[in-house]
Amino acid sequence: MAANSNCHFPRSQRSGKVGLRQSQAGQIVIEYILLLAIAVAMAVLITKTLIGRDPGNEGFVLAAWSELLVQIGADTADDVKRPAAGP
């Protein structure tokens, strides 16, 4: 019997599996880094689209907020003419 009786594979096959596991670990790290880079790039694009602060090219949220402030500032409720009081 072999020195290590718990293992059912010959020594040559065991060393191949260890190398395969290390290679898979490296692939997992690379895939994680690529997914992280894609997520960060998408977050940047979404942020610029929603809350960009470039003059003339504001993001959706800032443009809507600015329009809301202008409407509130116009105070159109005071512009409604009230009917004249009767004699």
N, C-alpha and C. Protein backbone atom coordinates (compact mmCIF):
# COMPACT_ATOMS: atom_id res chain seq x y z
N MET A 1 0.82 -1.18 0.00
CA MET A 1 0.00 0.00 0.00
C MET A 1 0.86 1.24 0.00
N ALA A 2 0.29 2.31 -0.51
CA ALA A 2 1.03 3.57 -0.58
C ALA A 2 1.17 4.18 0.81
N ALA A 3 2.09 5.14 0.92
CA ALA A 3 2.33 5.80 2.21
C ALA A 3 1.08 6.55 2.67
N ASN A 4 0.36 7.13 1.75
CA ASN A 4 -0.85 7.86 2.09
C ASN A 4 -2.04 6.99 1.70
N SER A 5 -2.61 6.27 2.65
CA SER A 5 -3.67 5.32 2.33
C SER A 5 -5.02 5.99 2.15
N ASN A 6 -5.18 7.25 2.52
CA ASN A 6 -6.45 7.95 2.38
C ASN A 6 -6.72 8.37 0.94
N CYS A 7 -5.69 8.48 0.13
CA CYS A 7 -5.85 8.94 -1.24
C CYS A 7 -5.96 7.75 -2.17
N HIS A 8 -6.92 7.77 -3.09
CA HIS A 8 -7.16 6.66 -3.99
C HIS A 8 -6.54 6.88 -5.37
N PHE A 9 -5.90 8.01 -5.58
CA PHE A 9 -5.30 8.32 -6.88
C PHE A 9 -3.78 8.13 -6.80
N PRO A 10 -3.18 7.70 -7.90
CA PRO A 10 -1.71 7.64 -7.91
C PRO A 10 -1.13 9.05 -7.75
N ARG A 11 0.10 9.10 -7.34
CA ARG A 11 0.77 10.37 -7.07
C ARG A 11 0.77 11.30 -8.28
N SER A 12 0.93 10.80 -9.48
CA SER A 12 0.98 11.64 -10.68
C SER A 12 -0.36 12.35 -10.90
N GLN A 13 -1.46 11.67 -10.64
CA GLN A 13 -2.77 12.29 -10.82
C GLN A 13 -3.05 13.32 -9.72
N ARG A 14 -2.58 13.07 -8.51
CA ARG A 14 -2.79 14.02 -7.42
C ARG A 14 -2.09 15.33 -7.68
N SER A 15 -0.87 15.31 -8.15
CA SER A 15 -0.14 16.56 -8.40
C SER A 15 -0.79 17.34 -9.54
N GLY A 16 -1.38 16.65 -10.50
CA GLY A 16 -2.08 17.33 -11.59
C GLY A 16 -3.31 18.07 -11.09
N LYS A 17 -4.01 17.50 -10.14
CA LYS A 17 -5.19 18.15 -9.58
C LYS A 17 -4.83 19.38 -8.79
N VAL A 18 -3.72 19.36 -8.09
CA VAL A 18 -3.30 20.54 -7.34
C VAL A 18 -2.97 21.67 -8.29
N GLY A 19 -2.25 21.36 -9.38
CA GLY A 19 -1.94 22.38 -10.38
C GLY A 19 -3.19 22.93 -11.03
N LEU A 20 -4.17 22.08 -11.27
CA LEU A 20 -5.43 22.50 -11.86
C LEU A 20 -6.18 23.43 -10.91
N ARG A 21 -6.18 23.12 -9.63
CA ARG A 21 -6.85 23.97 -8.65
C ARG A 21 -6.19 25.34 -8.58
N GLN A 22 -4.87 25.40 -8.62
CA GLN A 22 -4.18 26.69 -8.58
C GLN A 22 -4.50 27.49 -9.84
N SER A 23 -4.57 26.84 -10.96
CA SER A 23 -4.90 27.51 -12.21
C SER A 23 -6.34 28.03 -12.17
N GLN A 24 -7.25 27.25 -11.60
CA GLN A 24 -8.63 27.70 -11.48
C GLN A 24 -8.74 28.88 -10.52
N ALA A 25 -7.95 28.87 -9.47
CA ALA A 25 -7.97 29.98 -8.52
C ALA A 25 -7.52 31.26 -9.21
N GLY A 26 -6.51 31.17 -10.05
CA GLY A 26 -6.06 32.33 -10.80
C GLY A 26 -7.11 32.82 -11.77
N GLN A 27 -7.81 31.90 -12.41
CA GLN A 27 -8.87 32.26 -13.33
C GLN A 27 -10.01 32.94 -12.59
N ILE A 28 -10.33 32.47 -11.41
CA ILE A 28 -11.40 33.07 -10.61
C ILE A 28 -11.03 34.51 -10.24
N VAL A 29 -9.79 34.73 -9.88
CA VAL A 29 -9.35 36.08 -9.52
C VAL A 29 -9.45 37.01 -10.73
N ILE A 30 -9.01 36.55 -11.89
CA ILE A 30 -9.09 37.36 -13.11
C ILE A 30 -10.54 37.67 -13.46
N GLU A 31 -11.41 36.67 -13.38
CA GLU A 31 -12.83 36.90 -13.67
C GLU A 31 -13.44 37.89 -12.69
N TYR A 32 -13.09 37.79 -11.42
CA TYR A 32 -13.60 38.72 -10.41
C TYR A 32 -13.15 40.14 -10.73
N ILE A 33 -11.89 40.31 -11.08
CA ILE A 33 -11.37 41.65 -11.39
C ILE A 33 -12.07 42.21 -12.63
N LEU A 34 -12.29 41.40 -13.65
CA LEU A 34 -12.99 41.86 -14.85
C LEU A 34 -14.44 42.25 -14.54
N LEU A 35 -15.13 41.44 -13.76
CA LEU A 35 -16.50 41.77 -13.38
C LEU A 35 -16.55 43.05 -12.55
N LEU A 36 -15.58 43.22 -11.67
CA LEU A 36 -15.51 44.43 -10.86
C LEU A 36 -15.28 45.66 -11.74
N ALA A 37 -14.39 45.54 -12.72
CA ALA A 37 -14.13 46.66 -13.64
C ALA A 37 -15.38 47.00 -14.45
N ILE A 38 -16.11 45.99 -14.91
CA ILE A 38 -17.34 46.24 -15.66
C ILE A 38 -18.38 46.92 -14.77
N ALA A 39 -18.50 46.48 -13.54
CA ALA A 39 -19.47 47.08 -12.61
C ALA A 39 -19.13 48.54 -12.33
N VAL A 40 -17.85 48.84 -12.14
CA VAL A 40 -17.44 50.22 -11.88
C VAL A 40 -17.70 51.09 -13.11
N ALA A 41 -17.40 50.58 -14.30
CA ALA A 41 -17.64 51.35 -15.53
C ALA A 41 -19.13 51.64 -15.71
N MET A 42 -19.97 50.65 -15.43
CA MET A 42 -21.42 50.87 -15.55
C MET A 42 -21.90 51.87 -14.51
N ALA A 43 -21.37 51.82 -13.30
CA ALA A 43 -21.76 52.77 -12.26
C ALA A 43 -21.38 54.19 -12.65
N VAL A 44 -20.21 54.35 -13.25
CA VAL A 44 -19.79 55.69 -13.69
C VAL A 44 -20.72 56.21 -14.78
N LEU A 45 -21.06 55.37 -15.75
CA LEU A 45 -21.97 55.79 -16.82
C LEU A 45 -23.35 56.16 -16.28
N ILE A 46 -23.87 55.35 -15.38
CA ILE A 46 -25.18 55.64 -14.81
C ILE A 46 -25.14 56.93 -14.00
N THR A 47 -24.08 57.13 -13.24
CA THR A 47 -23.95 58.34 -12.44
C THR A 47 -23.89 59.57 -13.32
N LYS A 48 -23.11 59.51 -14.40
CA LYS A 48 -23.03 60.67 -15.30
C LYS A 48 -24.37 60.93 -15.98
N THR A 49 -25.10 59.88 -16.30
CA THR A 49 -26.40 60.04 -16.97
C THR A 49 -27.43 60.61 -16.01
N LEU A 50 -27.43 60.16 -14.78
CA LEU A 50 -28.46 60.59 -13.84
C LEU A 50 -28.14 61.91 -13.15
N ILE A 51 -26.90 62.09 -12.72
CA ILE A 51 -26.60 63.28 -11.94
C ILE A 51 -25.37 64.02 -12.45
N GLY A 52 -25.14 63.98 -13.76
CA GLY A 52 -24.02 64.72 -14.33
C GLY A 52 -24.15 66.21 -14.08
N ARG A 53 -23.07 66.90 -13.86
CA ARG A 53 -23.10 68.32 -13.53
C ARG A 53 -22.47 69.20 -14.60
N ASP A 54 -22.27 68.68 -15.80
CA ASP A 54 -21.70 69.50 -16.87
C ASP A 54 -22.70 70.58 -17.28
N PRO A 55 -22.25 71.84 -17.44
CA PRO A 55 -23.18 72.89 -17.85
C PRO A 55 -23.79 72.59 -19.22
N GLY A 56 -25.09 72.71 -19.33
CA GLY A 56 -25.78 72.44 -20.57
C GLY A 56 -26.03 70.96 -20.82
N ASN A 57 -25.44 70.11 -20.03
CA ASN A 57 -25.62 68.66 -20.19
C ASN A 57 -25.82 68.03 -18.82
N GLU A 58 -26.78 68.60 -18.07
CA GLU A 58 -27.03 68.09 -16.73
C GLU A 58 -27.64 66.70 -16.80
N GLY A 59 -27.45 65.96 -15.77
CA GLY A 59 -28.05 64.64 -15.70
C GLY A 59 -29.56 64.73 -15.52
N PHE A 60 -30.23 63.62 -15.67
CA PHE A 60 -31.69 63.57 -15.61
C PHE A 60 -32.22 64.09 -14.27
N VAL A 61 -31.64 63.64 -13.17
CA VAL A 61 -32.12 64.01 -11.84
C VAL A 61 -31.94 65.51 -11.62
N LEU A 62 -30.78 66.06 -11.95
CA LEU A 62 -30.55 67.49 -11.74
C LEU A 62 -31.42 68.34 -12.65
N ALA A 63 -31.65 67.90 -13.88
CA ALA A 63 -32.52 68.66 -14.78
C ALA A 63 -33.95 68.67 -14.25
N ALA A 64 -34.45 67.53 -13.79
CA ALA A 64 -35.80 67.47 -13.24
C ALA A 64 -35.90 68.30 -11.96
N TRP A 65 -34.88 68.25 -11.13
CA TRP A 65 -34.88 69.04 -9.89
C TRP A 65 -34.87 70.53 -10.21
N SER A 66 -34.08 70.94 -11.18
CA SER A 66 -34.02 72.35 -11.58
C SER A 66 -35.37 72.82 -12.11
N GLU A 67 -36.00 71.99 -12.93
CA GLU A 67 -37.32 72.34 -13.46
C GLU A 67 -38.34 72.47 -12.34
N LEU A 68 -38.29 71.59 -11.36
CA LEU A 68 -39.19 71.65 -10.22
C LEU A 68 -38.98 72.93 -9.43
N LEU A 69 -37.73 73.32 -9.22
CA LEU A 69 -37.44 74.55 -8.49
C LEU A 69 -37.95 75.78 -9.23
N VAL A 70 -37.83 75.77 -10.55
CA VAL A 70 -38.33 76.90 -11.36
C VAL A 70 -39.85 76.98 -11.24
N GLN A 71 -40.53 75.86 -11.29
CA GLN A 71 -41.99 75.85 -11.16
C GLN A 71 -42.43 76.33 -9.78
N ILE A 72 -41.73 75.90 -8.76
CA ILE A 72 -42.06 76.35 -7.41
C ILE A 72 -41.78 77.85 -7.28
N GLY A 73 -40.67 78.30 -7.85
CA GLY A 73 -40.33 79.72 -7.79
C GLY A 73 -41.30 80.60 -8.55
N ALA A 74 -41.90 80.08 -9.62
CA ALA A 74 -42.86 80.87 -10.39
C ALA A 74 -44.13 81.11 -9.57
N ASP A 75 -44.45 80.24 -8.66
CA ASP A 75 -45.58 80.38 -7.75
C ASP A 75 -46.87 80.70 -8.50
N THR A 76 -47.24 79.83 -9.39
CA THR A 76 -48.42 80.05 -10.23
C THR A 76 -49.72 80.06 -9.45
N ALA A 77 -49.75 79.58 -8.24
CA ALA A 77 -50.97 79.60 -7.44
C ALA A 77 -51.42 81.03 -7.15
N ASP A 78 -50.48 81.97 -7.04
CA ASP A 78 -50.82 83.37 -6.78
C ASP A 78 -51.30 84.08 -8.03
N ASP A 79 -51.09 83.52 -9.21
CA ASP A 79 -51.48 84.17 -10.44
C ASP A 79 -52.95 83.94 -10.80
N VAL A 80 -53.61 83.06 -10.09
CA VAL A 80 -55.02 82.77 -10.37
C VAL A 80 -55.84 83.97 -9.94
N LYS A 81 -56.64 84.45 -10.85
CA LYS A 81 -57.46 85.62 -10.53
C LYS A 81 -58.69 85.15 -9.76
N ARG A 82 -58.93 85.82 -8.71
CA ARG A 82 -60.10 85.50 -7.88
C ARG A 82 -61.29 86.32 -8.39
N PRO A 83 -62.44 85.74 -8.34
CA PRO A 83 -63.61 86.50 -8.78
C PRO A 83 -63.83 87.72 -7.89
N ALA A 84 -64.30 88.77 -8.50
CA ALA A 84 -64.54 90.01 -7.76
C ALA A 84 -65.66 89.79 -6.75
N ALA A 85 -65.53 90.43 -5.62
CA ALA A 85 -66.53 90.29 -4.58
C ALA A 85 -67.79 91.04 -4.98
N GLY A 86 -68.93 90.48 -4.74
CA GLY A 86 -70.21 91.10 -5.10
C GLY A 86 -70.54 92.27 -4.20
N PRO A 87 -71.47 93.15 -4.65
CA PRO A 87 -71.81 94.34 -3.85
C PRO A 87 -72.51 94.04 -2.59
